[in-house]
Amino acid sequence: MNSSLLHIYDQYIYALVALGGTALGVALVQWFIQCSRWSGWVRSLHGVVAPFINIIGVLFGLTLAFLANDTWSAHDRATNAVSCLPFFVFQGLMVRIYP
């Protein structure tokens, strides 16, 4: 893959890492509940209800959304700064040549 494309679209790689980590976490919890030697003990826990688990998922989703927004904003600012750099360098050279 071209390294410039990798730097331009790096937020997608971060998103894939976040989704992969979430899928891995879900798979580990599923294995822990069904296949581990503690599965009988885990199944005996009846005090944790679904809305509690949903709140954790919503908080994780909000955190991920805010992180993605911040990453996208920083990427846009950096891209704008780099794209304006040749213009300002040229203006600085013109000022030095023609005072």
Foldseek 3Di string as FASTA:
>chain_A
DDVVVCVLPVLVVVVVVVVVVVVVVVVVVVCVCPPDPCNVVVVPDDPDDDVVVVVVVVVVVVVVVVVSVVVVVVSVVVVVVVVCVVVVVVVVVVVVVPD
